[in-house]
Amino acid sequence: MSEPIDETASAGGRGRRAERKPVLLRLDPAVHEALARWAADDLRSLNAHVEMLLREALKRSGRLPRDAGPLPRRGRPVKED
């Protein structure tokens, strides 16, 4: 499997480095298609949408870790001078 990817999670101007873990997920093709349509409706990538749904489920069940970093900002990264 590939190495974890480092991305800057700059929500709220914190600019802290967050390690992102790659995950292989097998889905029924119909479920994948439904998720892809839902993600497109919300202008998200499928990956971002799945992470958002998982975080919401963790939060609802009281299992979201307190030290979980924020979701990475969507869109093009801000240019630094």
PDB file of N, CA and C in Angstrom:
ATOM      1  N   MET A   1       0.847  -1.183   0.000  1.00  0.00           N
ATOM      2  CA  MET A   1       0.000   0.000   0.000  1.00  0.00           C
ATOM      3  C   MET A   1       0.887   1.239   0.000  1.00  0.00           C
ATOM      4  N   SER A   2       0.404   2.331  -0.496  1.00  0.00           N
ATOM      5  CA  SER A   2       1.194   3.552  -0.598  1.00  0.00           C
ATOM      6  C   SER A   2       1.354   4.224   0.753  1.00  0.00           C
ATOM      7  N   GLU A   3       2.316   5.130   0.840  1.00  0.00           N
ATOM      8  CA  GLU A   3       2.577   5.882   2.062  1.00  0.00           C
ATOM      9  C   GLU A   3       1.473   6.906   2.298  1.00  0.00           C
ATOM     10  N   PRO A   4       1.218   7.285   3.557  1.00  0.00           N
ATOM     11  CA  PRO A   4       0.231   8.332   3.847  1.00  0.00           C
ATOM     12  C   PRO A   4       0.619   9.642   3.184  1.00  0.00           C
ATOM     13  N   ILE A   5      -0.372  10.420   2.850  1.00  0.00           N
ATOM     14  CA  ILE A   5      -0.172  11.691   2.174  1.00  0.00           C
ATOM     15  C   ILE A   5      -0.285  12.811   3.191  1.00  0.00           C
ATOM     16  N   ASP A   6       0.678  13.739   3.175  1.00  0.00           N
ATOM     17  CA  ASP A   6       0.603  14.904   4.048  1.00  0.00           C
ATOM     18  C   ASP A   6      -0.066  16.039   3.306  1.00  0.00           C
ATOM     19  N   GLU A   7      -1.073  16.634   3.920  1.00  0.00           N
ATOM     20  CA  GLU A   7      -1.748  17.793   3.356  1.00  0.00           C
ATOM     21  C   GLU A   7      -1.863  18.835   4.440  1.00  0.00           C
ATOM     22  N   THR A   8      -1.971  20.087   4.058  1.00  0.00           N
ATOM     23  CA  THR A   8      -2.167  21.137   5.043  1.00  0.00           C
ATOM     24  C   THR A   8      -3.650  21.264   5.321  1.00  0.00           C
ATOM     25  N   ALA A   9      -4.015  21.128   6.569  1.00  0.00           N
ATOM     26  CA  ALA A   9      -5.409  21.315   6.976  1.00  0.00           C
ATOM     27  C   ALA A   9      -5.498  22.706   7.570  1.00  0.00           C
ATOM     28  N   SER A  10      -5.925  23.665   6.770  1.00  0.00           N
ATOM     29  CA  SER A  10      -5.859  25.063   7.204  1.00  0.00           C
ATOM     30  C   SER A  10      -7.224  25.642   7.523  1.00  0.00           C
ATOM     31  N   ALA A  11      -8.049  24.893   8.224  1.00  0.00           N
ATOM     32  CA  ALA A  11      -9.346  25.427   8.628  1.00  0.00           C
ATOM     33  C   ALA A  11      -9.140  26.390   9.783  1.00  0.00           C
ATOM     34  N   GLY A  12      -9.765  27.513   9.716  1.00  0.00           N
ATOM     35  CA  GLY A  12      -9.659  28.488  10.782  1.00  0.00           C
ATOM     36  C   GLY A  12      -8.290  29.115  10.887  1.00  0.00           C
ATOM     37  N   GLY A  13      -7.483  29.007   9.828  1.00  0.00           N
ATOM     38  CA  GLY A  13      -6.183  29.636   9.820  1.00  0.00           C
ATOM     39  C   GLY A  13      -5.137  28.929  10.657  1.00  0.00           C
ATOM     40  N   ARG A  14      -5.416  27.697  11.082  1.00  0.00           N
ATOM     41  CA  ARG A  14      -4.462  26.993  11.928  1.00  0.00           C
ATOM     42  C   ARG A  14      -3.234  26.540  11.165  1.00  0.00           C
ATOM     43  N   GLY A  15      -3.393  26.112   9.913  1.00  0.00           N
ATOM     44  CA  GLY A  15      -2.269  25.721   9.077  1.00  0.00           C
ATOM     45  C   GLY A  15      -1.469  24.550   9.634  1.00  0.00           C
ATOM     46  N   ARG A  16      -2.089  23.649  10.372  1.00  0.00           N
ATOM     47  CA  ARG A  16      -1.357  22.524  10.937  1.00  0.00           C
ATOM     48  C   ARG A  16      -1.260  21.413   9.897  1.00  0.00           C
ATOM     49  N   ARG A  17      -0.198  20.612   9.972  1.00  0.00           N
ATOM     50  CA  ARG A  17      -0.012  19.496   9.042  1.00  0.00           C
ATOM     51  C   ARG A  17      -0.841  18.309   9.520  1.00  0.00           C
ATOM     52  N   ALA A  18      -1.614  17.723   8.639  1.00  0.00           N
ATOM     53  CA  ALA A  18      -2.449  16.582   8.996  1.00  0.00           C
ATOM     54  C   ALA A  18      -2.084  15.408   8.104  1.00  0.00           C
ATOM     55  N   GLU A  19      -1.914  14.260   8.710  1.00  0.00           N
ATOM     56  CA  GLU A  19      -1.608  13.063   7.943  1.00  0.00           C
ATOM     57  C   GLU A  19      -2.920  12.449   7.470  1.00  0.00           C
ATOM     58  N   ARG A  20      -3.041  12.237   6.184  1.00  0.00           N
ATOM     59  CA  ARG A  20      -4.249  11.646   5.610  1.00  0.00           C
ATOM     60  C   ARG A  20      -3.954  10.181   5.323  1.00  0.00           C
ATOM     61  N   LYS A  21      -4.841   9.302   5.726  1.00  0.00           N
ATOM     62  CA  LYS A  21      -4.653   7.868   5.553  1.00  0.00           C
ATOM     63  C   LYS A  21      -5.431   7.379   4.334  1.00  0.00           C
ATOM     64  N   PRO A  22      -4.746   6.753   3.391  1.00  0.00           N
ATOM     65  CA  PRO A  22      -5.461   6.171   2.247  1.00  0.00           C
ATOM     66  C   PRO A  22      -6.182   4.886   2.674  1.00  0.00           C
ATOM     67  N   VAL A  23      -7.381   4.667   2.135  1.00  0.00           N
ATOM     68  CA  VAL A  23      -8.176   3.494   2.481  1.00  0.00           C
ATOM     69  C   VAL A  23      -8.762   2.907   1.206  1.00  0.00           C
ATOM     70  N   LEU A  24      -8.626   1.608   1.057  1.00  0.00           N
ATOM     71  CA  LEU A  24      -9.252   0.910  -0.055  1.00  0.00           C
ATOM     72  C   LEU A  24     -10.640   0.483   0.404  1.00  0.00           C
ATOM     73  N   LEU A  25     -11.664   0.859  -0.342  1.00  0.00           N
ATOM     74  CA  LEU A  25     -13.039   0.563   0.050  1.00  0.00           C
ATOM     75  C   LEU A  25     -13.747  -0.138  -1.102  1.00  0.00           C
ATOM     76  N   ARG A  26     -14.300  -1.291  -0.820  1.00  0.00           N
ATOM     77  CA  ARG A  26     -15.052  -2.029  -1.836  1.00  0.00           C
ATOM     78  C   ARG A  26     -16.539  -1.753  -1.623  1.00  0.00           C
ATOM     79  N   LEU A  27     -17.207  -1.314  -2.683  1.00  0.00           N
ATOM     80  CA  LEU A  27     -18.633  -0.985  -2.608  1.00  0.00           C
ATOM     81  C   LEU A  27     -19.402  -1.706  -3.696  1.00  0.00           C
ATOM     82  N   ASP A  28     -20.648  -1.970  -3.428  1.00  0.00           N
ATOM     83  CA  ASP A  28     -21.555  -2.460  -4.462  1.00  0.00           C
ATOM     84  C   ASP A  28     -21.625  -1.374  -5.534  1.00  0.00           C
ATOM     85  N   PRO A  29     -21.604  -1.740  -6.809  1.00  0.00           N
ATOM     86  CA  PRO A  29     -21.629  -0.724  -7.867  1.00  0.00           C
ATOM     87  C   PRO A  29     -22.823   0.232  -7.784  1.00  0.00           C
ATOM     88  N   ALA A  30     -23.980  -0.259  -7.374  1.00  0.00           N
ATOM     89  CA  ALA A  30     -25.158   0.611  -7.270  1.00  0.00           C
ATOM     90  C   ALA A  30     -24.980   1.616  -6.130  1.00  0.00           C
ATOM     91  N   VAL A  31     -24.374   1.182  -5.023  1.00  0.00           N
ATOM     92  CA  VAL A  31     -24.116   2.084  -3.900  1.00  0.00           C
ATOM     93  C   VAL A  31     -23.089   3.126  -4.320  1.00  0.00           C
ATOM     94  N   HIS A  32     -22.057   2.692  -5.029  1.00  0.00           N
ATOM     95  CA  HIS A  32     -21.030   3.625  -5.514  1.00  0.00           C
ATOM     96  C   HIS A  32     -21.655   4.690  -6.413  1.00  0.00           C
ATOM     97  N   GLU A  33     -22.502   4.269  -7.320  1.00  0.00           N
ATOM     98  CA  GLU A  33     -23.144   5.208  -8.242  1.00  0.00           C
ATOM     99  C   GLU A  33     -24.035   6.197  -7.495  1.00  0.00           C
ATOM    100  N   ALA A  34     -24.787   5.707  -6.515  1.00  0.00           N
ATOM    101  CA  ALA A  34     -25.654   6.589  -5.734  1.00  0.00           C
ATOM    102  C   ALA A  34     -24.826   7.605  -4.951  1.00  0.00           C
ATOM    103  N   LEU A  35     -23.728   7.159  -4.342  1.00  0.00           N
ATOM    104  CA  LEU A  35     -22.847   8.076  -3.616  1.00  0.00           C
ATOM    105  C   LEU A  35     -22.206   9.095  -4.548  1.00  0.00           C
ATOM    106  N   ALA A  36     -21.794   8.639  -5.725  1.00  0.00           N
ATOM    107  CA  ALA A  36     -21.174   9.548  -6.701  1.00  0.00           C
ATOM    108  C   ALA A  36     -22.163  10.625  -7.152  1.00  0.00           C
ATOM    109  N   ARG A  37     -23.416  10.251  -7.383  1.00  0.00           N
ATOM    110  CA  ARG A  37     -24.438  11.236  -7.764  1.00  0.00           C
ATOM    111  C   ARG A  37     -24.680  12.232  -6.633  1.00  0.00           C
ATOM    112  N   TRP A  38     -24.774  11.729  -5.402  1.00  0.00           N
ATOM    113  CA  TRP A  38     -25.000  12.575  -4.236  1.00  0.00           C
ATOM    114  C   TRP A  38     -23.829  13.546  -4.062  1.00  0.00           C
ATOM    115  N   ALA A  39     -22.616  13.044  -4.186  1.00  0.00           N
ATOM    116  CA  ALA A  39     -21.426  13.896  -4.072  1.00  0.00           C
ATOM    117  C   ALA A  39     -21.440  14.979  -5.148  1.00  0.00           C
ATOM    118  N   ALA A  40     -21.772  14.607  -6.366  1.00  0.00           N
ATOM    119  CA  ALA A  40     -21.829  15.586  -7.465  1.00  0.00           C
ATOM    120  C   ALA A  40     -22.902  16.637  -7.208  1.00  0.00           C
ATOM    121  N   ASP A  41     -24.037  16.221  -6.661  1.00  0.00           N
ATOM    122  CA  ASP A  41     -25.101  17.177  -6.334  1.00  0.00           C
ATOM    123  C   ASP A  41     -24.617  18.219  -5.328  1.00  0.00           C
ATOM    124  N   ASP A  42     -23.746  17.801  -4.407  1.00  0.00           N
ATOM    125  CA  ASP A  42     -23.215  18.697  -3.378  1.00  0.00           C
ATOM    126  C   ASP A  42     -21.878  19.327  -3.770  1.00  0.00           C
ATOM    127  N   LEU A  43     -21.473  19.136  -5.032  1.00  0.00           N
ATOM    128  CA  LEU A  43     -20.210  19.674  -5.563  1.00  0.00           C
ATOM    129  C   LEU A  43     -19.005  19.226  -4.739  1.00  0.00           C
ATOM    130  N   ARG A  44     -18.994  17.943  -4.379  1.00  0.00           N
ATOM    131  CA  ARG A  44     -17.879  17.349  -3.652  1.00  0.00           C
ATOM    132  C   ARG A  44     -17.320  16.193  -4.461  1.00  0.00           C
ATOM    133  N   SER A  45     -16.069  15.845  -4.159  1.00  0.00           N
ATOM    134  CA  SER A  45     -15.532  14.607  -4.718  1.00  0.00           C
ATOM    135  C   SER A  45     -16.170  13.448  -3.952  1.00  0.00           C
ATOM    136  N   LEU A  46     -16.149  12.296  -4.547  1.00  0.00           N
ATOM    137  CA  LEU A  46     -16.700  11.122  -3.873  1.00  0.00           C
ATOM    138  C   LEU A  46     -15.937  10.877  -2.572  1.00  0.00           C
ATOM    139  N   ASN A  47     -14.624  11.007  -2.596  1.00  0.00           N
ATOM    140  CA  ASN A  47     -13.810  10.789  -1.407  1.00  0.00           C
ATOM    141  C   ASN A  47     -14.200  11.763  -0.290  1.00  0.00           C
ATOM    142  N   ALA A  48     -14.326  13.042  -0.615  1.00  0.00           N
ATOM    143  CA  ALA A  48     -14.692  14.044   0.388  1.00  0.00           C
ATOM    144  C   ALA A  48     -16.083  13.776   0.942  1.00  0.00           C
ATOM    145  N   HIS A  49     -16.986  13.325   0.088  1.00  0.00           N
ATOM    146  CA  HIS A  49     -18.357  13.062   0.523  1.00  0.00           C
ATOM    147  C   HIS A  49     -18.408  11.869   1.485  1.00  0.00           C
ATOM    148  N   VAL A  50     -17.670  10.808   1.153  1.00  0.00           N
ATOM    149  CA  VAL A  50     -17.637   9.635   2.024  1.00  0.00           C
ATOM    150  C   VAL A  50     -17.050  10.016   3.379  1.00  0.00           C
ATOM    151  N   GLU A  51     -15.962  10.820   3.391  1.00  0.00           N
ATOM    152  CA  GLU A  51     -15.383  11.240   4.666  1.00  0.00           C
ATOM    153  C   GLU A  51     -16.381  12.074   5.473  1.00  0.00           C
ATOM    154  N   MET A  52     -17.093  12.973   4.816  1.00  0.00           N
ATOM    155  CA  MET A  52     -18.080  13.799   5.510  1.00  0.00           C
ATOM    156  C   MET A  52     -19.175  12.918   6.127  1.00  0.00           C
ATOM    157  N   LEU A  53     -19.669  11.930   5.373  1.00  0.00           N
ATOM    158  CA  LEU A  53     -20.709  11.039   5.885  1.00  0.00           C
ATOM    159  C   LEU A  53     -20.210  10.208   7.059  1.00  0.00           C
ATOM    160  N   LEU A  54     -18.983   9.728   6.975  1.00  0.00           N
ATOM    161  CA  LEU A  54     -18.419   8.950   8.075  1.00  0.00           C
ATOM    162  C   LEU A  54     -18.252   9.807   9.327  1.00  0.00           C
ATOM    163  N   ARG A  55     -17.783  11.037   9.154  1.00  0.00           N
ATOM    164  CA  ARG A  55     -17.629  11.939  10.301  1.00  0.00           C
ATOM    165  C   ARG A  55     -18.985  12.249  10.943  1.00  0.00           C
ATOM    166  N   GLU A  56     -20.019  12.470  10.119  1.00  0.00           N
ATOM    167  CA  GLU A  56     -21.357  12.732  10.657  1.00  0.00           C
ATOM    168  C   GLU A  56     -21.866  11.533  11.451  1.00  0.00           C
ATOM    169  N   ALA A  57     -21.636  10.322  10.935  1.00  0.00           N
ATOM    170  CA  ALA A  57     -22.071   9.116  11.640  1.00  0.00           C
ATOM    171  C   ALA A  57     -21.316   8.962  12.961  1.00  0.00           C
ATOM    172  N   LEU A  58     -20.017   9.228  12.953  1.00  0.00           N
ATOM    173  CA  LEU A  58     -19.233   9.163  14.187  1.00  0.00           C
ATOM    174  C   LEU A  58     -19.724  10.188  15.206  1.00  0.00           C
ATOM    175  N   LYS A  59     -20.017  11.384  14.741  1.00  0.00           N
ATOM    176  CA  LYS A  59     -20.484  12.441  15.638  1.00  0.00           C
ATOM    177  C   LYS A  59     -21.833  12.069  16.250  1.00  0.00           C
ATOM    178  N   ARG A  60     -22.770  11.592  15.411  1.00  0.00           N
ATOM    179  CA  ARG A  60     -24.103  11.199  15.902  1.00  0.00           C
ATOM    180  C   ARG A  60     -24.022  10.102  16.950  1.00  0.00           C
ATOM    181  N   SER A  61     -23.068   9.183  16.788  1.00  0.00           N
ATOM    182  CA  SER A  61     -22.957   8.065  17.726  1.00  0.00           C
ATOM    183  C   SER A  61     -22.072   8.391  18.927  1.00  0.00           C
ATOM    184  N   GLY A  62     -21.544   9.617  18.965  1.00  0.00           N
ATOM    185  CA  GLY A  62     -20.680  10.012  20.073  1.00  0.00           C
ATOM    186  C   GLY A  62     -19.303   9.389  20.012  1.00  0.00           C
ATOM    187  N   ARG A  63     -18.853   9.002  18.820  1.00  0.00           N
ATOM    188  CA  ARG A  63     -17.571   8.327  18.653  1.00  0.00           C
ATOM    189  C   ARG A  63     -16.540   9.148  17.899  1.00  0.00           C
ATOM    190  N   LEU A  64     -16.853  10.377  17.546  1.00  0.00           N
ATOM    191  CA  LEU A  64     -15.887  11.210  16.827  1.00  0.00           C
ATOM    192  C   LEU A  64     -14.764  11.594  17.793  1.00  0.00           C
ATOM    193  N   PRO A  65     -13.523  11.235  17.490  1.00  0.00           N
ATOM    194  CA  PRO A  65     -12.415  11.560  18.396  1.00  0.00           C
ATOM    195  C   PRO A  65     -12.261  13.071  18.555  1.00  0.00           C
ATOM    196  N   ARG A  66     -11.966  13.493  19.777  1.00  0.00           N
ATOM    197  CA  ARG A  66     -11.784  14.922  20.046  1.00  0.00           C
ATOM    198  C   ARG A  66     -10.609  15.497  19.273  1.00  0.00           C
ATOM    199  N   ASP A  67      -9.603  14.665  18.998  1.00  0.00           N
ATOM    200  CA  ASP A  67      -8.418  15.161  18.309  1.00  0.00           C
ATOM    201  C   ASP A  67      -8.497  15.003  16.791  1.00  0.00           C
ATOM    202  N   ALA A  68      -9.676  14.655  16.272  1.00  0.00           N
ATOM    203  CA  ALA A  68      -9.841  14.550  14.813  1.00  0.00           C
ATOM    204  C   ALA A  68      -9.675  15.941  14.215  1.00  0.00           C
ATOM    205  N   GLY A  69      -8.804  16.043  13.239  1.00  0.00           N
ATOM    206  CA  GLY A  69      -8.588  17.327  12.579  1.00  0.00           C
ATOM    207  C   GLY A  69      -9.810  17.726  11.777  1.00  0.00           C
ATOM    208  N   PRO A  70      -9.845  18.980  11.356  1.00  0.00           N
ATOM    209  CA  PRO A  70     -10.970  19.437  10.542  1.00  0.00           C
ATOM    210  C   PRO A  70     -10.899  18.837   9.140  1.00  0.00           C
ATOM    211  N   LEU A  71     -12.032  18.836   8.467  1.00  0.00           N
ATOM    212  CA  LEU A  71     -12.018  18.417   7.065  1.00  0.00           C
ATOM    213  C   LEU A  71     -11.143  19.388   6.285  1.00  0.00           C
ATOM    214  N   PRO A  72     -10.361  18.891   5.329  1.00  0.00           N
ATOM    215  CA  PRO A  72      -9.565  19.814   4.510  1.00  0.00           C
ATOM    216  C   PRO A  72     -10.482  20.774   3.768  1.00  0.00           C
ATOM    217  N   ARG A  73     -10.002  21.992   3.580  1.00  0.00           N
ATOM    218  CA  ARG A  73     -10.796  22.985   2.853  1.00  0.00           C
ATOM    219  C   ARG A  73     -10.993  22.547   1.423  1.00  0.00           C
ATOM    220  N   ARG A  74     -12.181  22.803   0.907  1.00  0.00           N
ATOM    221  CA  ARG A  74     -12.480  22.468  -0.476  1.00  0.00           C
ATOM    222  C   ARG A  74     -11.957  23.555  -1.388  1.00  0.00           C
ATOM    223  N   GLY A  75     -11.718  23.206  -2.625  1.00  0.00           N
ATOM    224  CA  GLY A  75     -11.320  24.184  -3.618  1.00  0.00           C
ATOM    225  C   GLY A  75      -9.819  24.304  -3.777  1.00  0.00           C
ATOM    226  N   ARG A  76      -9.436  25.276  -4.542  1.00  0.00           N
ATOM    227  CA  ARG A  76      -8.043  25.505  -4.858  1.00  0.00           C
ATOM    228  C   ARG A  76      -7.304  26.073  -3.648  1.00  0.00           C
ATOM    229  N   PRO A  77      -6.081  25.574  -3.371  1.00  0.00           N
ATOM    230  CA  PRO A  77      -5.328  26.106  -2.230  1.00  0.00           C
ATOM    231  C   PRO A  77      -5.033  27.592  -2.398  1.00  0.00           C
ATOM    232  N   VAL A  78      -4.966  28.299  -1.284  1.00  0.00           N
ATOM    233  CA  VAL A  78      -4.674  29.728  -1.287  1.00  0.00           C
ATOM    234  C   VAL A  78      -3.203  29.915  -1.632  1.00  0.00           C
ATOM    235  N   LYS A  79      -2.910  30.862  -2.531  1.00  0.00           N
ATOM    236  CA  LYS A  79      -1.526  31.158  -2.895  1.00  0.00           C
ATOM    237  C   LYS A  79      -0.838  31.877  -1.759  1.00  0.00           C
ATOM    238  N   GLU A  80       0.365  31.421  -1.445  1.00  0.00           N
ATOM    239  CA  GLU A  80       1.157  32.104  -0.425  1.00  0.00           C
ATOM    240  C   GLU A  80       2.177  32.985  -1.119  1.00  0.00           C
ATOM    241  N   ASP A  81       2.360  34.206  -0.583  1.00  0.00           N
ATOM    242  CA  ASP A  81       3.309  35.139  -1.208  1.00  0.00           C
ATOM    243  C   ASP A  81       4.732  34.770  -0.906  1.00  0.00           C
TER     244      ASP A  81
END
